[in-house]
Amino acid sequence: MENEERNENVVGEKKIEKKSLFKNFYPDYTFERVENITYDLLSKLGIKLVLMDMDNTLIDSKGEYTKELKKWIKDIKGKGIKLYIVSNSFSEKTVKRIAKELGLQYFYKASKPSLKGFKKVCDNFPDIKKEEILMIGDQLFTDVWGGNRFNIRTILVKRVNKKEIILTRIKRPFERMILNHYYKKEENSEKCRV
């Protein structure tokens, strides 16, 4: 049953089959921003643990986040869902600061899409099953692919701003190619694209 669910992609209220060369990079959901992800969706999916990328997902290039994000985190945590930053950043100082300000736990130097970070974090929650875990991030080749490889649900959000490190900028055209293919699979092209 779990494998059947992982082979479907829900876009808004529509489902599309993941039958593509690029399916390993397809998110289960797409949203403009983290704050747009509703508790109702998380509850419907039975999510108990949300893993979140930090750079360009939660914060901009200046290390700033919105009041709306802080409120979203407070609301989701208040409803009993655990939230955890899983970042590829090498700067523990920055990750620790953001995690502390937002009231989150964190794991840095996660090496996504490697499974190392996912496993380390999930070892802290032995009672939570993979089908109860969700990964949110702004990059297909790290956040989404890593989450898909770990066999958890994934959400792709639009990056917070356009300023990015060179390695990420190099990958973006390839991401666009995959996303174009992803959206072509959708029957109705009215979907808001990230």
N, C-alpha and C. Protein backbone atom coordinates (compact mmCIF):
# COMPACT_ATOMS: atom_id res chain seq x y z
N MET A 1 0.83 -1.20 0.00
CA MET A 1 0.00 0.00 0.00
C MET A 1 0.86 1.25 0.00
N GLU A 2 1.93 1.26 0.85
CA GLU A 2 2.81 2.43 0.92
C GLU A 2 3.44 2.72 -0.44
N ASN A 3 3.89 1.65 -1.15
CA ASN A 3 4.52 1.85 -2.46
C ASN A 3 3.54 2.42 -3.45
N GLU A 4 2.27 1.99 -3.36
CA GLU A 4 1.26 2.54 -4.27
C GLU A 4 1.09 4.03 -4.03
N GLU A 5 1.07 4.43 -2.74
CA GLU A 5 0.92 5.85 -2.42
C GLU A 5 2.12 6.64 -2.92
N ARG A 6 3.32 6.07 -2.83
CA ARG A 6 4.53 6.78 -3.23
C ARG A 6 4.60 6.92 -4.75
N ASN A 7 3.81 6.10 -5.49
CA ASN A 7 3.84 6.19 -6.94
C ASN A 7 2.84 7.21 -7.48
N GLU A 8 2.15 7.89 -6.60
CA GLU A 8 1.24 8.92 -7.04
C GLU A 8 1.78 10.27 -6.63
N ASN A 9 1.43 11.27 -7.41
CA ASN A 9 1.85 12.63 -7.08
C ASN A 9 0.62 13.48 -6.98
N VAL A 10 0.42 14.12 -5.85
CA VAL A 10 -0.75 14.96 -5.66
C VAL A 10 -0.36 16.40 -5.91
N VAL A 11 -1.05 17.04 -6.82
CA VAL A 11 -0.80 18.44 -7.14
C VAL A 11 -2.11 19.16 -6.86
N GLY A 12 -2.13 19.96 -5.79
CA GLY A 12 -3.40 20.53 -5.38
C GLY A 12 -4.32 19.39 -5.02
N GLU A 13 -5.43 19.28 -5.71
CA GLU A 13 -6.36 18.18 -5.47
C GLU A 13 -6.25 17.12 -6.57
N LYS A 14 -5.31 17.27 -7.48
CA LYS A 14 -5.19 16.32 -8.59
C LYS A 14 -4.07 15.34 -8.33
N LYS A 15 -4.21 14.14 -8.85
CA LYS A 15 -3.16 13.13 -8.71
C LYS A 15 -2.62 12.82 -10.09
N ILE A 16 -1.30 12.68 -10.18
CA ILE A 16 -0.69 12.27 -11.43
C ILE A 16 0.24 11.10 -11.14
N GLU A 17 0.33 10.18 -12.05
CA GLU A 17 1.19 9.02 -11.87
C GLU A 17 2.65 9.40 -12.03
N LYS A 18 3.49 8.81 -11.21
CA LYS A 18 4.94 9.01 -11.33
C LYS A 18 5.50 7.93 -12.24
N LYS A 19 5.37 8.09 -13.55
CA LYS A 19 5.91 7.14 -14.51
C LYS A 19 6.77 7.90 -15.48
N SER A 20 7.93 8.26 -15.05
CA SER A 20 8.81 9.07 -15.85
C SER A 20 10.25 8.78 -15.51
N LEU A 21 11.11 9.10 -16.46
CA LEU A 21 12.54 8.98 -16.23
C LEU A 21 12.96 9.83 -15.03
N PHE A 22 12.24 10.93 -14.80
CA PHE A 22 12.59 11.87 -13.74
C PHE A 22 11.83 11.63 -12.44
N LYS A 23 11.07 10.53 -12.35
CA LYS A 23 10.17 10.36 -11.21
C LYS A 23 10.86 10.41 -9.85
N ASN A 24 12.13 10.04 -9.78
CA ASN A 24 12.85 10.10 -8.50
C ASN A 24 13.02 11.53 -7.99
N PHE A 25 12.86 12.49 -8.90
CA PHE A 25 13.02 13.90 -8.54
C PHE A 25 11.69 14.62 -8.37
N TYR A 26 10.59 13.91 -8.59
CA TYR A 26 9.28 14.54 -8.48
C TYR A 26 8.87 14.66 -7.01
N PRO A 27 8.43 15.85 -6.60
CA PRO A 27 7.88 15.98 -5.25
C PRO A 27 6.47 15.40 -5.21
N ASP A 28 6.01 15.08 -4.03
CA ASP A 28 4.62 14.65 -3.88
C ASP A 28 3.67 15.83 -3.95
N TYR A 29 4.15 16.99 -3.51
CA TYR A 29 3.35 18.21 -3.50
C TYR A 29 4.24 19.39 -3.85
N THR A 30 3.63 20.45 -4.33
CA THR A 30 4.34 21.71 -4.53
C THR A 30 3.52 22.84 -3.90
N PHE A 31 4.23 23.77 -3.27
CA PHE A 31 3.60 24.94 -2.67
C PHE A 31 4.48 26.15 -2.94
N GLU A 32 3.87 27.32 -2.95
CA GLU A 32 4.63 28.56 -3.12
C GLU A 32 5.59 28.76 -1.95
N ARG A 33 5.06 28.59 -0.73
CA ARG A 33 5.87 28.85 0.47
C ARG A 33 5.53 27.82 1.55
N VAL A 34 6.43 27.66 2.47
CA VAL A 34 6.19 26.75 3.59
C VAL A 34 4.91 27.12 4.30
N GLU A 35 4.68 28.41 4.49
CA GLU A 35 3.51 28.89 5.24
C GLU A 35 2.18 28.51 4.59
N ASN A 36 2.21 28.13 3.32
CA ASN A 36 0.98 27.75 2.62
C ASN A 36 0.59 26.29 2.85
N ILE A 37 1.48 25.53 3.46
CA ILE A 37 1.21 24.12 3.74
C ILE A 37 0.28 24.07 4.95
N THR A 38 -0.88 23.49 4.77
CA THR A 38 -1.89 23.53 5.83
C THR A 38 -1.74 22.37 6.82
N TYR A 39 -2.17 22.65 8.03
CA TYR A 39 -2.23 21.58 9.03
C TYR A 39 -3.19 20.49 8.57
N ASP A 40 -4.28 20.89 7.91
CA ASP A 40 -5.26 19.92 7.43
C ASP A 40 -4.61 18.89 6.52
N LEU A 41 -3.73 19.34 5.63
CA LEU A 41 -3.03 18.41 4.73
C LEU A 41 -2.13 17.48 5.54
N LEU A 42 -1.35 18.06 6.45
CA LEU A 42 -0.44 17.25 7.26
C LEU A 42 -1.22 16.22 8.08
N SER A 43 -2.32 16.64 8.62
CA SER A 43 -3.16 15.75 9.42
C SER A 43 -3.76 14.64 8.55
N LYS A 44 -4.25 15.01 7.38
CA LYS A 44 -4.84 14.04 6.45
C LYS A 44 -3.82 12.97 6.06
N LEU A 45 -2.56 13.38 5.92
CA LEU A 45 -1.50 12.44 5.55
C LEU A 45 -0.97 11.65 6.74
N GLY A 46 -1.37 12.05 7.93
CA GLY A 46 -0.89 11.36 9.13
C GLY A 46 0.55 11.72 9.48
N ILE A 47 0.97 12.93 9.12
CA ILE A 47 2.35 13.36 9.35
C ILE A 47 2.57 13.71 10.83
N LYS A 48 3.65 13.15 11.39
CA LYS A 48 4.01 13.43 12.78
C LYS A 48 5.35 14.15 12.89
N LEU A 49 6.16 14.07 11.82
CA LEU A 49 7.48 14.70 11.82
C LEU A 49 7.71 15.37 10.47
N VAL A 50 8.04 16.67 10.50
CA VAL A 50 8.34 17.42 9.28
C VAL A 50 9.81 17.82 9.32
N LEU A 51 10.56 17.36 8.33
CA LEU A 51 11.96 17.75 8.16
C LEU A 51 11.97 18.92 7.19
N MET A 52 12.76 19.95 7.49
CA MET A 52 12.77 21.14 6.64
C MET A 52 14.19 21.57 6.31
N ASP A 53 14.40 21.86 5.04
CA ASP A 53 15.63 22.50 4.62
C ASP A 53 15.64 23.90 5.23
N MET A 54 16.81 24.52 5.32
CA MET A 54 16.87 25.87 5.91
C MET A 54 17.10 26.95 4.85
N ASP A 55 18.26 26.90 4.17
CA ASP A 55 18.63 27.96 3.24
C ASP A 55 17.68 28.01 2.05
N ASN A 56 17.10 29.18 1.86
CA ASN A 56 16.19 29.46 0.75
C ASN A 56 14.87 28.69 0.83
N THR A 57 14.67 27.99 1.95
CA THR A 57 13.39 27.37 2.24
C THR A 57 12.74 28.10 3.41
N LEU A 58 13.50 28.23 4.50
CA LEU A 58 13.02 28.96 5.68
C LEU A 58 13.57 30.37 5.74
N ILE A 59 14.83 30.53 5.30
CA ILE A 59 15.49 31.85 5.41
C ILE A 59 16.02 32.31 4.06
N ASP A 60 16.22 33.63 3.95
CA ASP A 60 16.81 34.18 2.73
C ASP A 60 18.33 34.23 2.87
N SER A 61 18.98 34.83 1.90
CA SER A 61 20.46 34.86 1.88
C SER A 61 21.04 35.70 3.02
N LYS A 62 20.21 36.52 3.66
CA LYS A 62 20.68 37.32 4.80
C LYS A 62 20.38 36.63 6.13
N GLY A 63 19.83 35.43 6.06
CA GLY A 63 19.51 34.70 7.28
C GLY A 63 18.24 35.18 7.95
N GLU A 64 17.34 35.78 7.18
CA GLU A 64 16.10 36.31 7.73
C GLU A 64 14.91 35.46 7.31
N TYR A 65 13.89 35.44 8.14
CA TYR A 65 12.66 34.71 7.86
C TYR A 65 11.48 35.63 8.14
N THR A 66 10.31 35.21 7.70
CA THR A 66 9.13 36.06 7.84
C THR A 66 8.40 35.80 9.16
N LYS A 67 7.60 36.78 9.55
CA LYS A 67 6.74 36.61 10.73
C LYS A 67 5.72 35.50 10.48
N GLU A 68 5.28 35.40 9.23
CA GLU A 68 4.31 34.36 8.87
C GLU A 68 4.90 32.97 9.08
N LEU A 69 6.18 32.81 8.73
CA LEU A 69 6.83 31.52 8.93
C LEU A 69 6.90 31.18 10.42
N LYS A 70 7.29 32.16 11.22
CA LYS A 70 7.39 31.92 12.66
C LYS A 70 6.03 31.53 13.24
N LYS A 71 4.97 32.19 12.78
CA LYS A 71 3.62 31.86 13.24
C LYS A 71 3.23 30.46 12.78
N TRP A 72 3.56 30.11 11.52
CA TRP A 72 3.24 28.78 10.99
C TRP A 72 3.91 27.70 11.84
N ILE A 73 5.18 27.91 12.15
CA ILE A 73 5.93 26.94 12.97
C ILE A 73 5.27 26.77 14.33
N LYS A 74 4.91 27.89 14.95
CA LYS A 74 4.26 27.85 16.27
C LYS A 74 2.94 27.10 16.20
N ASP A 75 2.14 27.38 15.17
CA ASP A 75 0.84 26.73 15.01
C ASP A 75 0.98 25.23 14.79
N ILE A 76 1.89 24.84 13.90
CA ILE A 76 2.06 23.42 13.57
C ILE A 76 2.60 22.65 14.78
N LYS A 77 3.59 23.24 15.46
CA LYS A 77 4.11 22.60 16.66
C LYS A 77 3.04 22.50 17.73
N GLY A 78 2.20 23.53 17.83
CA GLY A 78 1.13 23.55 18.82
C GLY A 78 0.10 22.45 18.60
N LYS A 79 0.05 21.93 17.39
CA LYS A 79 -0.89 20.85 17.07
C LYS A 79 -0.24 19.48 17.19
N GLY A 80 0.99 19.46 17.72
CA GLY A 80 1.63 18.18 18.03
C GLY A 80 2.54 17.60 16.98
N ILE A 81 2.77 18.33 15.89
CA ILE A 81 3.68 17.84 14.86
C ILE A 81 5.09 18.31 15.18
N LYS A 82 6.04 17.40 15.11
CA LYS A 82 7.43 17.74 15.38
C LYS A 82 8.07 18.33 14.12
N LEU A 83 8.85 19.38 14.29
CA LEU A 83 9.53 20.05 13.17
C LEU A 83 11.03 20.02 13.42
N TYR A 84 11.81 19.77 12.36
CA TYR A 84 13.25 19.57 12.51
C TYR A 84 13.96 20.13 11.28
N ILE A 85 14.95 20.97 11.49
CA ILE A 85 15.76 21.48 10.37
C ILE A 85 16.79 20.43 9.98
N VAL A 86 16.85 20.11 8.69
CA VAL A 86 17.87 19.21 8.15
C VAL A 86 18.57 20.00 7.05
N SER A 87 19.74 20.52 7.37
CA SER A 87 20.43 21.46 6.48
C SER A 87 21.77 20.91 5.99
N ASN A 88 22.10 21.25 4.76
CA ASN A 88 23.42 20.91 4.22
C ASN A 88 24.47 21.94 4.61
N SER A 89 24.07 22.98 5.28
CA SER A 89 25.00 24.04 5.67
C SER A 89 26.13 23.49 6.53
N PHE A 90 27.34 24.04 6.31
CA PHE A 90 28.50 23.67 7.11
C PHE A 90 28.65 24.59 8.32
N SER A 91 27.82 25.62 8.40
CA SER A 91 27.92 26.58 9.49
C SER A 91 26.95 26.24 10.61
N GLU A 92 27.44 25.53 11.61
CA GLU A 92 26.57 25.18 12.73
C GLU A 92 26.08 26.44 13.43
N LYS A 93 26.91 27.47 13.46
CA LYS A 93 26.53 28.72 14.12
C LYS A 93 25.23 29.28 13.54
N THR A 94 25.15 29.34 12.21
CA THR A 94 23.96 29.88 11.56
C THR A 94 22.76 28.97 11.78
N VAL A 95 22.94 27.68 11.56
CA VAL A 95 21.82 26.74 11.71
C VAL A 95 21.31 26.76 13.15
N LYS A 96 22.24 26.77 14.09
CA LYS A 96 21.88 26.78 15.51
C LYS A 96 21.10 28.04 15.87
N ARG A 97 21.54 29.19 15.33
CA ARG A 97 20.86 30.46 15.61
C ARG A 97 19.42 30.43 15.10
N ILE A 98 19.26 30.02 13.84
CA ILE A 98 17.92 29.97 13.24
C ILE A 98 17.04 28.98 14.00
N ALA A 99 17.60 27.81 14.31
CA ALA A 99 16.83 26.79 15.03
C ALA A 99 16.39 27.31 16.39
N LYS A 100 17.29 27.99 17.08
CA LYS A 100 16.95 28.52 18.40
C LYS A 100 15.86 29.58 18.31
N GLU A 101 16.00 30.50 17.34
CA GLU A 101 15.01 31.57 17.18
C GLU A 101 13.63 31.02 16.83
N LEU A 102 13.61 29.95 16.05
CA LEU A 102 12.34 29.37 15.62
C LEU A 102 11.85 28.25 16.53
N GLY A 103 12.65 27.92 17.54
CA GLY A 103 12.25 26.88 18.48
C GLY A 103 12.27 25.49 17.89
N LEU A 104 13.29 25.21 17.06
CA LEU A 104 13.38 23.93 16.36
C LEU A 104 14.65 23.17 16.74
N GLN A 105 14.62 21.88 16.54
CA GLN A 105 15.83 21.08 16.62
C GLN A 105 16.48 21.12 15.25
N TYR A 106 17.77 20.73 15.17
CA TYR A 106 18.44 20.82 13.88
C TYR A 106 19.51 19.75 13.71
N PHE A 107 19.82 19.50 12.44
CA PHE A 107 20.95 18.67 12.06
C PHE A 107 21.62 19.39 10.90
N TYR A 108 22.89 19.72 11.02
CA TYR A 108 23.59 20.42 9.95
C TYR A 108 24.61 19.48 9.31
N LYS A 109 25.18 19.89 8.19
CA LYS A 109 26.06 19.04 7.38
C LYS A 109 25.37 17.71 7.05
N ALA A 110 24.14 17.82 6.60
CA ALA A 110 23.31 16.63 6.35
C ALA A 110 23.69 15.90 5.07
N SER A 111 24.37 16.58 4.15
CA SER A 111 24.82 15.97 2.88
C SER A 111 23.67 15.42 2.03
N LYS A 112 22.51 16.08 2.06
CA LYS A 112 21.42 15.66 1.18
C LYS A 112 21.89 15.76 -0.28
N PRO A 113 21.59 14.81 -1.12
CA PRO A 113 20.57 13.76 -1.00
C PRO A 113 21.04 12.47 -0.31
N SER A 114 22.22 12.46 0.25
CA SER A 114 22.65 11.31 1.04
C SER A 114 21.62 11.02 2.12
N LEU A 115 21.51 9.77 2.51
CA LEU A 115 20.53 9.39 3.52
C LEU A 115 21.04 9.62 4.93
N LYS A 116 22.30 10.00 5.07
CA LYS A 116 22.94 10.16 6.38
C LYS A 116 22.12 11.04 7.33
N GLY A 117 21.80 12.24 6.90
CA GLY A 117 21.06 13.18 7.75
C GLY A 117 19.67 12.69 8.09
N PHE A 118 18.99 12.12 7.10
CA PHE A 118 17.65 11.60 7.33
C PHE A 118 17.68 10.50 8.40
N LYS A 119 18.63 9.59 8.27
CA LYS A 119 18.74 8.48 9.23
C LYS A 119 19.07 8.99 10.62
N LYS A 120 20.02 9.92 10.70
CA LYS A 120 20.43 10.46 12.02
C LYS A 120 19.25 11.09 12.74
N VAL A 121 18.50 11.92 12.02
CA VAL A 121 17.36 12.60 12.63
C VAL A 121 16.29 11.59 13.02
N CYS A 122 15.97 10.67 12.13
CA CYS A 122 14.89 9.73 12.39
C CYS A 122 15.23 8.73 13.49
N ASP A 123 16.51 8.51 13.72
CA ASP A 123 16.92 7.65 14.85
C ASP A 123 16.48 8.26 16.18
N ASN A 124 16.28 9.58 16.21
CA ASN A 124 15.80 10.25 17.42
C ASN A 124 14.30 10.04 17.66
N PHE A 125 13.61 9.50 16.65
CA PHE A 125 12.16 9.31 16.73
C PHE A 125 11.80 7.88 16.34
N PRO A 126 12.22 6.90 17.13
CA PRO A 126 12.00 5.50 16.75
C PRO A 126 10.53 5.10 16.65
N ASP A 127 9.65 5.84 17.27
CA ASP A 127 8.22 5.50 17.22
C ASP A 127 7.50 6.08 16.01
N ILE A 128 8.21 6.91 15.23
CA ILE A 128 7.59 7.51 14.04
C ILE A 128 7.99 6.72 12.80
N LYS A 129 6.97 6.30 12.04
CA LYS A 129 7.21 5.50 10.83
C LYS A 129 7.51 6.42 9.66
N LYS A 130 8.15 5.86 8.63
CA LYS A 130 8.50 6.66 7.46
C LYS A 130 7.29 7.30 6.80
N GLU A 131 6.16 6.60 6.80
CA GLU A 131 4.97 7.17 6.16
C GLU A 131 4.39 8.34 6.96
N GLU A 132 4.95 8.59 8.14
CA GLU A 132 4.51 9.71 8.97
C GLU A 132 5.50 10.88 8.94
N ILE A 133 6.44 10.81 7.99
CA ILE A 133 7.49 11.83 7.88
C ILE A 133 7.39 12.54 6.54
N LEU A 134 7.66 13.84 6.56
CA LEU A 134 7.60 14.67 5.35
C LEU A 134 8.86 15.52 5.28
N MET A 135 9.41 15.69 4.08
CA MET A 135 10.56 16.58 3.85
C MET A 135 10.10 17.77 3.02
N ILE A 136 10.45 18.99 3.47
CA ILE A 136 10.13 20.22 2.74
C ILE A 136 11.43 20.90 2.34
N GLY A 137 11.54 21.30 1.08
CA GLY A 137 12.73 22.02 0.64
C GLY A 137 12.52 22.70 -0.69
N ASP A 138 13.52 23.49 -1.09
CA ASP A 138 13.42 24.28 -2.32
C ASP A 138 14.20 23.68 -3.49
N GLN A 139 14.90 22.56 -3.26
CA GLN A 139 15.73 21.99 -4.33
C GLN A 139 15.34 20.54 -4.63
N LEU A 140 15.23 20.23 -5.92
CA LEU A 140 14.92 18.87 -6.34
C LEU A 140 16.06 17.91 -6.06
N PHE A 141 17.30 18.34 -6.34
CA PHE A 141 18.43 17.41 -6.30
C PHE A 141 18.98 17.15 -4.90
N THR A 142 18.52 17.89 -3.92
CA THR A 142 18.96 17.64 -2.55
C THR A 142 17.76 17.24 -1.69
N ASP A 143 16.83 18.15 -1.51
CA ASP A 143 15.71 17.94 -0.60
C ASP A 143 14.72 16.89 -1.10
N VAL A 144 14.24 17.06 -2.32
CA VAL A 144 13.22 16.16 -2.86
C VAL A 144 13.82 14.79 -3.16
N TRP A 145 14.93 14.76 -3.87
CA TRP A 145 15.55 13.48 -4.20
C TRP A 145 15.96 12.73 -2.93
N GLY A 146 16.54 13.44 -1.99
CA GLY A 146 16.93 12.82 -0.72
C GLY A 146 15.73 12.24 0.01
N GLY A 147 14.65 13.02 0.09
CA GLY A 147 13.43 12.53 0.74
C GLY A 147 12.84 11.33 0.02
N ASN A 148 12.83 11.39 -1.31
CA ASN A 148 12.31 10.27 -2.10
C ASN A 148 13.18 9.03 -1.92
N ARG A 149 14.48 9.21 -1.88
CA ARG A 149 15.39 8.07 -1.66
C ARG A 149 15.17 7.45 -0.29
N PHE A 150 14.84 8.28 0.69
CA PHE A 150 14.58 7.80 2.05
C PHE A 150 13.16 7.23 2.18
N ASN A 151 12.40 7.36 1.10
CA ASN A 151 11.04 6.84 1.01
C ASN A 151 10.07 7.53 1.97
N ILE A 152 10.18 8.88 2.00
CA ILE A 152 9.22 9.69 2.75
C ILE A 152 8.55 10.66 1.78
N ARG A 153 7.47 11.25 2.20
CA ARG A 153 6.79 12.23 1.34
C ARG A 153 7.63 13.49 1.22
N THR A 154 7.45 14.20 0.10
CA THR A 154 8.24 15.41 -0.14
C THR A 154 7.36 16.55 -0.64
N ILE A 155 7.76 17.76 -0.24
CA ILE A 155 7.12 18.97 -0.74
C ILE A 155 8.21 19.89 -1.26
N LEU A 156 8.02 20.37 -2.47
CA LEU A 156 8.91 21.37 -3.06
C LEU A 156 8.25 22.73 -2.90
N VAL A 157 9.00 23.69 -2.34
CA VAL A 157 8.51 25.06 -2.23
C VAL A 157 9.36 25.97 -3.11
N LYS A 158 8.79 27.08 -3.46
CA LYS A 158 9.53 28.07 -4.24
C LYS A 158 10.65 28.65 -3.38
N ARG A 159 11.80 28.85 -3.96
CA ARG A 159 12.92 29.40 -3.18
C ARG A 159 12.56 30.80 -2.67
N VAL A 160 13.08 31.11 -1.49
CA VAL A 160 12.75 32.37 -0.83
C VAL A 160 13.25 33.57 -1.63
N ASN A 161 14.47 33.49 -2.16
CA ASN A 161 14.96 34.56 -3.04
C ASN A 161 15.90 33.99 -4.09
N LYS A 162 16.28 34.80 -5.04
CA LYS A 162 17.05 34.31 -6.18
C LYS A 162 18.55 34.22 -5.91
N LYS A 163 19.04 34.87 -4.86
CA LYS A 163 20.46 34.84 -4.56
C LYS A 163 20.84 33.47 -4.00
N GLU A 164 21.76 32.79 -4.70
CA GLU A 164 22.14 31.44 -4.30
C GLU A 164 23.63 31.21 -4.55
N ILE A 165 24.15 30.18 -3.91
CA ILE A 165 25.55 29.84 -4.16
C ILE A 165 25.69 29.29 -5.59
N ILE A 166 26.88 29.33 -6.12
CA ILE A 166 27.12 28.97 -7.52
C ILE A 166 26.69 27.55 -7.85
N LEU A 167 26.96 26.60 -6.96
CA LEU A 167 26.60 25.21 -7.23
C LEU A 167 25.09 25.06 -7.41
N THR A 168 24.33 25.74 -6.59
CA THR A 168 22.87 25.68 -6.70
C THR A 168 22.41 26.34 -7.99
N ARG A 169 23.03 27.47 -8.36
CA ARG A 169 22.65 28.16 -9.61
C ARG A 169 22.91 27.27 -10.82
N ILE A 170 23.97 26.49 -10.77
CA ILE A 170 24.29 25.58 -11.89
C ILE A 170 23.21 24.51 -12.04
N LYS A 171 22.66 24.06 -10.92
CA LYS A 171 21.66 22.98 -10.96
C LYS A 171 20.27 23.45 -11.37
N ARG A 172 19.99 24.73 -11.21
CA ARG A 172 18.61 25.22 -11.42
C ARG A 172 18.07 24.96 -12.83
N PRO A 173 18.86 25.14 -13.92
CA PRO A 173 18.30 24.85 -15.25
C PRO A 173 17.87 23.39 -15.41
N PHE A 174 18.61 22.47 -14.80
CA PHE A 174 18.25 21.06 -14.86
C PHE A 174 16.97 20.80 -14.05
N GLU A 175 16.85 21.51 -12.93
CA GLU A 175 15.62 21.41 -12.14
C GLU A 175 14.43 21.90 -12.96
N ARG A 176 14.61 23.02 -13.66
CA ARG A 176 13.52 23.56 -14.48
C ARG A 176 13.09 22.56 -15.54
N MET A 177 14.05 21.88 -16.14
CA MET A 177 13.73 20.88 -17.16
C MET A 177 12.87 19.76 -16.56
N ILE A 178 13.25 19.29 -15.39
CA ILE A 178 12.49 18.23 -14.73
C ILE A 178 11.11 18.73 -14.33
N LEU A 179 11.05 19.96 -13.79
CA LEU A 179 9.76 20.52 -13.38
C LEU A 179 8.84 20.73 -14.57
N ASN A 180 9.39 21.14 -15.70
CA ASN A 180 8.56 21.28 -16.90
C ASN A 180 7.95 19.94 -17.28
N HIS A 181 8.73 18.89 -17.19
CA HIS A 181 8.22 17.55 -17.48
C HIS A 181 7.17 17.14 -16.45
N TYR A 182 7.43 17.46 -15.20
CA TYR A 182 6.52 17.18 -14.09
C TYR A 182 5.16 17.85 -14.32
N TYR A 183 5.17 19.12 -14.69
CA TYR A 183 3.92 19.84 -14.89
C TYR A 183 3.20 19.40 -16.16
N LYS A 184 3.92 18.92 -17.15
CA LYS A 184 3.27 18.42 -18.37
C LYS A 184 2.46 17.17 -18.08
N LYS A 185 2.84 16.43 -17.05
CA LYS A 185 2.10 15.24 -16.67
C LYS A 185 0.74 15.59 -16.07
N GLU A 186 0.60 16.80 -15.65
CA GLU A 186 -0.63 17.25 -15.01
C GLU A 186 -1.70 17.48 -16.08
N GLU A 187 -2.90 17.04 -15.83
CA GLU A 187 -3.98 17.22 -16.80
C GLU A 187 -4.39 18.67 -16.95
N ASN A 188 -4.36 19.41 -15.86
CA ASN A 188 -4.79 20.80 -15.90
C ASN A 188 -3.60 21.69 -15.60
N SER A 189 -3.20 22.54 -16.54
CA SER A 189 -1.99 23.35 -16.40
C SER A 189 -2.20 24.62 -15.57
N GLU A 190 -3.35 24.75 -14.92
CA GLU A 190 -3.62 25.94 -14.11
C GLU A 190 -2.85 25.92 -12.79
N LYS A 191 -2.19 24.80 -12.49
CA LYS A 191 -1.44 24.67 -11.23
C LYS A 191 -0.41 25.79 -11.11
N CYS A 192 -0.36 26.36 -9.93
CA CYS A 192 0.64 27.39 -9.65
C CYS A 192 2.02 26.74 -9.61
N ARG A 193 2.91 27.18 -10.45
CA ARG A 193 4.23 26.53 -10.55
C ARG A 193 5.24 27.16 -9.63
N VAL A 194 6.13 26.34 -9.10
CA VAL A 194 7.20 26.85 -8.26
C VAL A 194 8.37 27.24 -9.13
